[in-house]
Amino acid sequence: MGKPRLAVWKFASCDGCQLTLLDCEDELLPLAEHVEIAHFLEASSAVREGPYDVSLVEGSVTTETDIERIHRIREQSGMLVTIGACANAGGVQALRNFADVEEFRSVVYARPEYVATLAQSTPISAHVRVDLELPGCPIDRRQLIGVLSAVLAGRRPGLPVHSVCQECKLRGTTCVTVAQGIPCLGPVTRAGCGALCPAYGRGCYGCFGPMAGPNTAAMTASLRALGMSPADAARVFRTFHAAKPEFQAAAEEGERR
């Protein structure tokens, strides 16, 4: 029996999540002994035809061609894992979902008539079945290696669903909101980054998406108490994970107030 076959695919994205995979370096080398990397254009031009045991998909769907392509990838993949905020929730480019995409296109491109795009940037799960979502912008290298190792071992990967606040407590980081009055989305954001931003005196931006059962109403009230306008408090939920239902609902509720 041959090695499990891994494929890595790119859609609309900055390539940051694929670069995280390449950045694993020493951790990736032992893993490569147990898996055949059959398709990964960021790393090699050598391409082997499917089917694939595992496909990692980075990026959001933004064109008609993307829709056709993701369906072909799903058909060839035993397990499909979306990696990063773009693939999981449309990414930063989903800001187009709340504006006039034709106006954006006319301003950004010299010849907009040659640019084919959809009105919205959508997550992979809006088009095909996704077996697992790996959060982050970019993803965390430790989580990535953990997921790949678990898949190779034939078990379901375990990913945290609690908030970033718990990670702050575990590493002994003083709460930036309590101590300095800095707005922070840590109370509603999924753990997994190691509370990186608060560790450097910055508020969490929510790049890992919503935790399980986030209290976004309390979060919005906290942001308002720190001096944010209703529009600004709503806008913080429309960054990396604008298409996630929990953050989308929070933004819409904030705009109505």
C-alpha atoms as a PDB file:
ATOM      1  CA  MET A   1       0.000   0.000   0.000  1.00  0.00           C
ATOM      2  CA  GLY A   2       1.413   3.400  -1.035  1.00  0.00           C
ATOM      3  CA  LYS A   3       1.761   6.539   1.023  1.00  0.00           C
ATOM      4  CA  PRO A   4      -1.293   8.757   1.566  1.00  0.00           C
ATOM      5  CA  ARG A   5      -1.452  11.409  -1.144  1.00  0.00           C
ATOM      6  CA  LEU A   6      -1.592  15.086  -0.146  1.00  0.00           C
ATOM      7  CA  ALA A   7      -2.632  17.980  -2.378  1.00  0.00           C
ATOM      8  CA  VAL A   8      -2.515  21.699  -1.581  1.00  0.00           C
ATOM      9  CA  TRP A   9      -4.701  24.105  -3.561  1.00  0.00           C
ATOM     10  CA  LYS A  10      -4.884  27.904  -3.850  1.00  0.00           C
ATOM     11  CA  PHE A  11      -7.908  30.086  -4.501  1.00  0.00           C
ATOM     12  CA  ALA A  12      -8.256  33.848  -3.818  1.00  0.00           C
ATOM     13  CA  SER A  13      -5.755  34.495  -1.027  1.00  0.00           C
ATOM     14  CA  CYS A  14      -2.378  35.972  -0.133  1.00  0.00           C
ATOM     15  CA  ASP A  15      -0.611  32.543   0.040  1.00  0.00           C
ATOM     16  CA  GLY A  16       0.132  33.071   3.740  1.00  0.00           C
ATOM     17  CA  CYS A  17      -1.334  29.748   4.834  1.00  0.00           C
ATOM     18  CA  GLN A  18       0.641  27.816   2.225  1.00  0.00           C
ATOM     19  CA  LEU A  19       3.769  29.646   3.339  1.00  0.00           C
ATOM     20  CA  THR A  20       3.007  28.530   6.898  1.00  0.00           C
ATOM     21  CA  LEU A  21       3.160  24.950   5.654  1.00  0.00           C
ATOM     22  CA  LEU A  22       6.522  25.592   3.972  1.00  0.00           C
ATOM     23  CA  ASP A  23       7.759  27.378   7.089  1.00  0.00           C
ATOM     24  CA  CYS A  24       7.300  24.197   9.136  1.00  0.00           C
ATOM     25  CA  GLU A  25      10.681  23.066   7.758  1.00  0.00           C
ATOM     26  CA  ASP A  26      12.074  20.633  10.361  1.00  0.00           C
ATOM     27  CA  GLU A  27       8.610  19.437  11.372  1.00  0.00           C
ATOM     28  CA  LEU A  28       7.606  18.906   7.746  1.00  0.00           C
ATOM     29  CA  LEU A  29      10.599  16.753   6.800  1.00  0.00           C
ATOM     30  CA  PRO A  30       9.670  13.744   8.993  1.00  0.00           C
ATOM     31  CA  LEU A  31       6.053  14.105   7.885  1.00  0.00           C
ATOM     32  CA  ALA A  32       7.109  14.037   4.234  1.00  0.00           C
ATOM     33  CA  GLU A  33       8.533  10.553   4.797  1.00  0.00           C
ATOM     34  CA  HIS A  34       5.021   9.264   5.446  1.00  0.00           C
ATOM     35  CA  VAL A  35       3.031  11.164   2.830  1.00  0.00           C
ATOM     36  CA  GLU A  36       3.307  11.763  -0.910  1.00  0.00           C
ATOM     37  CA  ILE A  37       2.937  15.446  -1.763  1.00  0.00           C
ATOM     38  CA  ALA A  38       1.212  15.000  -5.105  1.00  0.00           C
ATOM     39  CA  HIS A  39       0.133  18.579  -5.819  1.00  0.00           C
ATOM     40  CA  PHE A  40       1.586  21.697  -4.192  1.00  0.00           C
ATOM     41  CA  LEU A  41       2.491  24.371  -6.745  1.00  0.00           C
ATOM     42  CA  GLU A  42       3.831  26.726  -4.069  1.00  0.00           C
ATOM     43  CA  ALA A  43       6.571  24.166  -3.415  1.00  0.00           C
ATOM     44  CA  SER A  44       7.030  22.237  -6.654  1.00  0.00           C
ATOM     45  CA  SER A  45       5.954  22.266 -10.310  1.00  0.00           C
ATOM     46  CA  ALA A  46       5.757  18.454 -10.239  1.00  0.00           C
ATOM     47  CA  VAL A  47       2.074  17.516 -10.318  1.00  0.00           C
ATOM     48  CA  ARG A  48       0.510  14.077 -10.036  1.00  0.00           C
ATOM     49  CA  GLU A  49      -3.075  13.380 -10.990  1.00  0.00           C
ATOM     50  CA  GLY A  50      -5.675  12.533  -8.355  1.00  0.00           C
ATOM     51  CA  PRO A  51      -7.358  11.062  -6.495  1.00  0.00           C
ATOM     52  CA  TYR A  52      -5.902  12.490  -3.279  1.00  0.00           C
ATOM     53  CA  ASP A  53      -6.338  11.221   0.265  1.00  0.00           C
ATOM     54  CA  VAL A  54      -6.199  14.722   1.752  1.00  0.00           C
ATOM     55  CA  SER A  55      -6.581  18.124   0.118  1.00  0.00           C
ATOM     56  CA  LEU A  56      -5.681  21.359   1.877  1.00  0.00           C
ATOM     57  CA  VAL A  57      -7.502  24.315   0.324  1.00  0.00           C
ATOM     58  CA  GLU A  58      -6.455  27.933   0.846  1.00  0.00           C
ATOM     59  CA  GLY A  59      -8.454  30.913  -0.386  1.00  0.00           C
ATOM     60  CA  SER A  60     -12.032  31.960  -1.099  1.00  0.00           C
ATOM     61  CA  VAL A  61     -14.254  31.491  -4.128  1.00  0.00           C
ATOM     62  CA  THR A  62     -14.438  34.717  -6.156  1.00  0.00           C
ATOM     63  CA  THR A  63     -15.008  33.654  -9.788  1.00  0.00           C
ATOM     64  CA  GLU A  64     -17.203  31.253 -11.775  1.00  0.00           C
ATOM     65  CA  THR A  65     -14.054  29.300 -12.614  1.00  0.00           C
ATOM     66  CA  ASP A  66     -13.360  28.889  -8.894  1.00  0.00           C
ATOM     67  CA  ILE A  67     -16.766  27.254  -8.424  1.00  0.00           C
ATOM     68  CA  GLU A  68     -16.104  24.701 -11.152  1.00  0.00           C
ATOM     69  CA  ARG A  69     -12.603  24.049  -9.850  1.00  0.00           C
ATOM     70  CA  ILE A  70     -13.564  23.448  -6.216  1.00  0.00           C
ATOM     71  CA  HIS A  71     -16.167  20.894  -7.299  1.00  0.00           C
ATOM     72  CA  ARG A  72     -13.497  18.999  -9.260  1.00  0.00           C
ATOM     73  CA  ILE A  73     -11.166  19.090  -6.249  1.00  0.00           C
ATOM     74  CA  ARG A  74     -13.913  17.809  -3.941  1.00  0.00           C
ATOM     75  CA  GLU A  75     -14.585  14.877  -6.288  1.00  0.00           C
ATOM     76  CA  GLN A  76     -10.898  13.920  -6.217  1.00  0.00           C
ATOM     77  CA  SER A  77     -10.372  14.289  -2.468  1.00  0.00           C
ATOM     78  CA  GLY A  78     -11.041  11.777   0.259  1.00  0.00           C
ATOM     79  CA  MET A  79     -10.760  14.462   2.971  1.00  0.00           C
ATOM     80  CA  LEU A  80     -10.972  18.171   2.252  1.00  0.00           C
ATOM     81  CA  VAL A  81      -9.531  20.576   4.822  1.00  0.00           C
ATOM     82  CA  THR A  82      -9.918  24.330   4.402  1.00  0.00           C
ATOM     83  CA  ILE A  83      -7.001  26.315   5.812  1.00  0.00           C
ATOM     84  CA  GLY A  84      -7.263  29.923   6.899  1.00  0.00           C
ATOM     85  CA  ALA A  85      -9.816  32.708   7.110  1.00  0.00           C
ATOM     86  CA  CYS A  86     -10.215  33.120   3.342  1.00  0.00           C
ATOM     87  CA  ALA A  87     -11.196  29.501   2.783  1.00  0.00           C
ATOM     88  CA  ASN A  88     -13.314  29.333   5.948  1.00  0.00           C
ATOM     89  CA  ALA A  89     -15.137  32.668   5.793  1.00  0.00           C
ATOM     90  CA  GLY A  90     -14.347  34.591   2.624  1.00  0.00           C
ATOM     91  CA  GLY A  91     -11.378  36.445   4.108  1.00  0.00           C
ATOM     92  CA  VAL A  92     -10.620  40.148   3.994  1.00  0.00           C
ATOM     93  CA  GLN A  93     -11.737  40.174   0.352  1.00  0.00           C
ATOM     94  CA  ALA A  94     -15.282  39.464   1.584  1.00  0.00           C
ATOM     95  CA  LEU A  95     -15.502  43.181   2.384  1.00  0.00           C
ATOM     96  CA  ARG A  96     -16.808  43.398  -1.182  1.00  0.00           C
ATOM     97  CA  ASN A  97     -19.918  41.588   0.053  1.00  0.00           C
ATOM     98  CA  PHE A  98     -21.050  44.782   1.779  1.00  0.00           C
ATOM     99  CA  ALA A  99     -20.309  47.237  -1.036  1.00  0.00           C
ATOM    100  CA  ASP A 100     -20.670  47.735  -4.788  1.00  0.00           C
ATOM    101  CA  VAL A 101     -18.181  45.352  -6.392  1.00  0.00           C
ATOM    102  CA  GLU A 102     -18.532  47.100  -9.760  1.00  0.00           C
ATOM    103  CA  GLU A 103     -17.423  50.370  -8.196  1.00  0.00           C
ATOM    104  CA  PHE A 104     -14.444  48.635  -6.585  1.00  0.00           C
ATOM    105  CA  ARG A 105     -13.475  47.032  -9.866  1.00  0.00           C
ATOM    106  CA  SER A 106     -13.661  50.342 -11.769  1.00  0.00           C
ATOM    107  CA  VAL A 107     -11.399  52.055  -9.237  1.00  0.00           C
ATOM    108  CA  VAL A 108      -8.802  49.299  -8.797  1.00  0.00           C
ATOM    109  CA  TYR A 109      -8.278  48.130 -12.385  1.00  0.00           C
ATOM    110  CA  ALA A 110      -7.305  50.179 -15.435  1.00  0.00           C
ATOM    111  CA  ARG A 111      -9.336  47.872 -17.709  1.00  0.00           C
ATOM    112  CA  PRO A 112     -12.077  46.447 -15.461  1.00  0.00           C
ATOM    113  CA  GLU A 113     -13.906  44.889 -18.410  1.00  0.00           C
ATOM    114  CA  TYR A 114     -11.184  42.223 -18.531  1.00  0.00           C
ATOM    115  CA  VAL A 115     -11.611  41.246 -14.877  1.00  0.00           C
ATOM    116  CA  ALA A 116     -14.213  38.527 -14.296  1.00  0.00           C
ATOM    117  CA  THR A 117     -15.370  38.325 -10.698  1.00  0.00           C
ATOM    118  CA  LEU A 118     -18.371  37.420  -8.590  1.00  0.00           C
ATOM    119  CA  ALA A 119     -20.234  39.991  -6.532  1.00  0.00           C
ATOM    120  CA  GLN A 120     -19.276  38.153  -3.343  1.00  0.00           C
ATOM    121  CA  SER A 121     -16.278  36.336  -1.886  1.00  0.00           C
ATOM    122  CA  THR A 122     -17.546  33.107  -0.351  1.00  0.00           C
ATOM    123  CA  PRO A 123     -16.017  30.327   1.767  1.00  0.00           C
ATOM    124  CA  ILE A 124     -15.327  26.904   0.309  1.00  0.00           C
ATOM    125  CA  SER A 125     -18.126  25.413   2.437  1.00  0.00           C
ATOM    126  CA  ALA A 126     -20.683  27.495   0.517  1.00  0.00           C
ATOM    127  CA  HIS A 127     -20.032  25.311  -2.520  1.00  0.00           C
ATOM    128  CA  VAL A 128     -18.861  21.850  -1.410  1.00  0.00           C
ATOM    129  CA  ARG A 129     -18.711  19.664   1.671  1.00  0.00           C
ATOM    130  CA  VAL A 130     -15.773  20.507   3.940  1.00  0.00           C
ATOM    131  CA  ASP A 131     -14.488  17.868   6.368  1.00  0.00           C
ATOM    132  CA  LEU A 132     -12.458  20.155   8.631  1.00  0.00           C
ATOM    133  CA  GLU A 133     -11.726  23.872   8.964  1.00  0.00           C
ATOM    134  CA  LEU A 134      -8.320  24.997  10.210  1.00  0.00           C
ATOM    135  CA  PRO A 135      -8.688  28.615  11.417  1.00  0.00           C
ATOM    136  CA  GLY A 136      -6.341  31.590  11.356  1.00  0.00           C
ATOM    137  CA  CYS A 137      -4.922  34.374   9.213  1.00  0.00           C
ATOM    138  CA  PRO A 138      -2.567  32.757   8.706  1.00  0.00           C
ATOM    139  CA  ILE A 139      -3.044  29.307  10.232  1.00  0.00           C
ATOM    140  CA  ASP A 140      -0.923  28.215  13.175  1.00  0.00           C
ATOM    141  CA  ARG A 141       1.936  25.896  12.230  1.00  0.00           C
ATOM    142  CA  ARG A 142       1.506  23.767  15.365  1.00  0.00           C
ATOM    143  CA  GLN A 143      -2.152  23.190  14.597  1.00  0.00           C
ATOM    144  CA  LEU A 144      -1.357  22.374  10.975  1.00  0.00           C
ATOM    145  CA  ILE A 145       1.213  19.726  11.855  1.00  0.00           C
ATOM    146  CA  GLY A 146      -1.151  18.356  14.512  1.00  0.00           C
ATOM    147  CA  VAL A 147      -3.976  18.024  11.989  1.00  0.00           C
ATOM    148  CA  LEU A 148      -1.806  16.322   9.372  1.00  0.00           C
ATOM    149  CA  SER A 149      -0.334  13.953  11.969  1.00  0.00           C
ATOM    150  CA  ALA A 150      -3.797  13.047  13.232  1.00  0.00           C
ATOM    151  CA  VAL A 151      -5.105  12.397   9.733  1.00  0.00           C
ATOM    152  CA  LEU A 152      -2.142  10.150   8.937  1.00  0.00           C
ATOM    153  CA  ALA A 153      -2.772   8.262  12.183  1.00  0.00           C
ATOM    154  CA  GLY A 154      -6.400   7.757  11.198  1.00  0.00           C
ATOM    155  CA  ARG A 155      -7.945   9.819  14.012  1.00  0.00           C
ATOM    156  CA  ARG A 156     -10.053  12.971  14.115  1.00  0.00           C
ATOM    157  CA  PRO A 157      -7.943  16.063  14.896  1.00  0.00           C
ATOM    158  CA  GLY A 158      -8.806  17.967  18.045  1.00  0.00           C
ATOM    159  CA  LEU A 159      -8.982  21.750  17.701  1.00  0.00           C
ATOM    160  CA  PRO A 160      -9.761  24.216  20.516  1.00  0.00           C
ATOM    161  CA  VAL A 161     -13.143  25.951  20.523  1.00  0.00           C
ATOM    162  CA  HIS A 162     -12.635  28.114  23.635  1.00  0.00           C
ATOM    163  CA  SER A 163     -11.647  31.783  23.545  1.00  0.00           C
ATOM    164  CA  VAL A 164      -8.306  33.550  23.243  1.00  0.00           C
ATOM    165  CA  CYS A 165      -8.820  34.843  26.792  1.00  0.00           C
ATOM    166  CA  GLN A 166      -8.036  31.371  28.127  1.00  0.00           C
ATOM    167  CA  GLU A 167      -4.743  31.362  26.247  1.00  0.00           C
ATOM    168  CA  CYS A 168      -3.890  34.756  27.745  1.00  0.00           C
ATOM    169  CA  LYS A 169      -4.457  33.332  31.224  1.00  0.00           C
ATOM    170  CA  LEU A 170      -2.377  30.241  30.491  1.00  0.00           C
ATOM    171  CA  ARG A 171       0.626  32.270  29.361  1.00  0.00           C
ATOM    172  CA  GLY A 172       0.228  34.849  32.135  1.00  0.00           C
ATOM    173  CA  THR A 173      -0.583  37.766  29.872  1.00  0.00           C
ATOM    174  CA  THR A 174      -2.271  40.741  31.516  1.00  0.00           C
ATOM    175  CA  CYS A 175      -5.615  41.610  29.916  1.00  0.00           C
ATOM    176  CA  VAL A 176      -4.990  44.548  27.592  1.00  0.00           C
ATOM    177  CA  THR A 177      -8.587  45.735  27.908  1.00  0.00           C
ATOM    178  CA  VAL A 178      -8.665  45.741  31.702  1.00  0.00           C
ATOM    179  CA  ALA A 179      -5.151  47.141  32.172  1.00  0.00           C
ATOM    180  CA  GLN A 180      -4.904  49.561  29.236  1.00  0.00           C
ATOM    181  CA  GLY A 181      -8.409  50.053  27.860  1.00  0.00           C
ATOM    182  CA  ILE A 182      -7.456  48.552  24.500  1.00  0.00           C
ATOM    183  CA  PRO A 183     -10.329  47.064  22.442  1.00  0.00           C
ATOM    184  CA  CYS A 184      -9.804  43.308  22.090  1.00  0.00           C
ATOM    185  CA  LEU A 185     -11.895  40.585  20.438  1.00  0.00           C
ATOM    186  CA  GLY A 186     -10.269  37.875  22.550  1.00  0.00           C
ATOM    187  CA  PRO A 187     -13.469  37.090  24.521  1.00  0.00           C
ATOM    188  CA  VAL A 188     -15.315  36.015  21.348  1.00  0.00           C
ATOM    189  CA  THR A 189     -12.425  34.712  19.242  1.00  0.00           C
ATOM    190  CA  ARG A 190     -11.377  31.090  18.924  1.00  0.00           C
ATOM    191  CA  ALA A 191      -8.110  30.062  20.546  1.00  0.00           C
ATOM    192  CA  GLY A 192      -5.202  28.570  18.634  1.00  0.00           C
ATOM    193  CA  CYS A 193      -2.818  31.459  17.994  1.00  0.00           C
ATOM    194  CA  GLY A 194      -1.264  31.367  21.469  1.00  0.00           C
ATOM    195  CA  ALA A 195      -2.750  34.808  22.252  1.00  0.00           C
ATOM    196  CA  LEU A 196      -0.035  36.368  20.130  1.00  0.00           C
ATOM    197  CA  CYS A 197      -1.368  39.931  19.792  1.00  0.00           C
ATOM    198  CA  PRO A 198      -2.212  40.497  23.489  1.00  0.00           C
ATOM    199  CA  ALA A 199       1.239  39.172  24.397  1.00  0.00           C
ATOM    200  CA  TYR A 200       2.669  42.192  22.564  1.00  0.00           C
ATOM    201  CA  GLY A 201       0.238  44.703  24.053  1.00  0.00           C
ATOM    202  CA  ARG A 202      -2.231  44.693  21.161  1.00  0.00           C
ATOM    203  CA  GLY A 203      -5.888  43.751  21.127  1.00  0.00           C
ATOM    204  CA  CYS A 204      -7.017  40.578  19.373  1.00  0.00           C
ATOM    205  CA  TYR A 205      -8.293  41.219  15.836  1.00  0.00           C
ATOM    206  CA  GLY A 206     -10.371  38.046  15.636  1.00  0.00           C
ATOM    207  CA  CYS A 207      -8.344  36.395  12.879  1.00  0.00           C
ATOM    208  CA  PHE A 208      -9.141  32.882  14.167  1.00  0.00           C
ATOM    209  CA  GLY A 209     -12.874  33.482  13.874  1.00  0.00           C
ATOM    210  CA  PRO A 210     -15.650  33.021  16.426  1.00  0.00           C
ATOM    211  CA  MET A 211     -15.256  30.690  19.377  1.00  0.00           C
ATOM    212  CA  ALA A 212     -18.035  28.236  20.230  1.00  0.00           C
ATOM    213  CA  GLY A 213     -21.089  30.211  21.369  1.00  0.00           C
ATOM    214  CA  PRO A 214     -19.579  33.716  21.448  1.00  0.00           C
ATOM    215  CA  ASN A 215     -21.408  36.395  23.439  1.00  0.00           C
ATOM    216  CA  THR A 216     -21.139  39.027  20.726  1.00  0.00           C
ATOM    217  CA  ALA A 217     -23.770  41.264  22.362  1.00  0.00           C
ATOM    218  CA  ALA A 218     -21.585  41.636  25.463  1.00  0.00           C
ATOM    219  CA  MET A 219     -18.542  42.129  23.224  1.00  0.00           C
ATOM    220  CA  THR A 220     -20.283  44.935  21.348  1.00  0.00           C
ATOM    221  CA  ALA A 221     -21.292  46.574  24.633  1.00  0.00           C
ATOM    222  CA  SER A 222     -17.670  46.409  25.800  1.00  0.00           C
ATOM    223  CA  LEU A 223     -16.424  48.003  22.578  1.00  0.00           C
ATOM    224  CA  ARG A 224     -18.985  50.787  22.903  1.00  0.00           C
ATOM    225  CA  ALA A 225     -17.944  51.372  26.522  1.00  0.00           C
ATOM    226  CA  LEU A 226     -14.386  51.874  25.287  1.00  0.00           C
ATOM    227  CA  GLY A 227     -15.565  54.715  23.066  1.00  0.00           C
ATOM    228  CA  MET A 228     -16.295  53.012  19.758  1.00  0.00           C
ATOM    229  CA  SER A 229     -19.184  54.314  17.650  1.00  0.00           C
ATOM    230  CA  PRO A 230     -21.912  51.836  16.630  1.00  0.00           C
ATOM    231  CA  ALA A 231     -20.467  51.734  13.098  1.00  0.00           C
ATOM    232  CA  ASP A 232     -16.929  51.065  14.340  1.00  0.00           C
ATOM    233  CA  ALA A 233     -18.104  48.400  16.772  1.00  0.00           C
ATOM    234  CA  ALA A 234     -19.945  46.661  13.948  1.00  0.00           C
ATOM    235  CA  ARG A 235     -16.971  46.987  11.607  1.00  0.00           C
ATOM    236  CA  VAL A 236     -14.618  44.960  13.817  1.00  0.00           C
ATOM    237  CA  PHE A 237     -16.703  41.869  13.077  1.00  0.00           C
ATOM    238  CA  ARG A 238     -16.271  42.430   9.336  1.00  0.00           C
ATOM    239  CA  THR A 239     -12.597  41.792   8.899  1.00  0.00           C
ATOM    240  CA  PHE A 240     -11.195  38.277   8.590  1.00  0.00           C
ATOM    241  CA  HIS A 241     -14.415  36.310   9.203  1.00  0.00           C
ATOM    242  CA  ALA A 242     -17.192  38.510   7.881  1.00  0.00           C
ATOM    243  CA  ALA A 243     -19.068  35.513   6.444  1.00  0.00           C
ATOM    244  CA  LYS A 244     -19.153  33.534   9.693  1.00  0.00           C
ATOM    245  CA  PRO A 245     -22.795  33.599  10.904  1.00  0.00           C
ATOM    246  CA  GLU A 246     -21.881  34.623  14.465  1.00  0.00           C
ATOM    247  CA  PHE A 247     -19.810  37.629  13.389  1.00  0.00           C
ATOM    248  CA  GLN A 248     -22.124  38.512  10.514  1.00  0.00           C
ATOM    249  CA  ALA A 249     -25.120  38.664  12.872  1.00  0.00           C
ATOM    250  CA  ALA A 250     -23.140  40.771  15.358  1.00  0.00           C
ATOM    251  CA  ALA A 251     -22.205  43.291  12.658  1.00  0.00           C
ATOM    252  CA  GLU A 252     -25.771  43.542  11.382  1.00  0.00           C
ATOM    253  CA  GLU A 253     -27.167  43.957  14.890  1.00  0.00           C
ATOM    254  CA  GLY A 254     -24.587  46.648  15.634  1.00  0.00           C
ATOM    255  CA  GLU A 255     -25.565  48.616  12.522  1.00  0.00           C
ATOM    256  CA  ARG A 256     -29.227  48.615  13.558  1.00  0.00           C
ATOM    257  CA  ARG A 257     -28.483  50.297  16.869  1.00  0.00           C
END
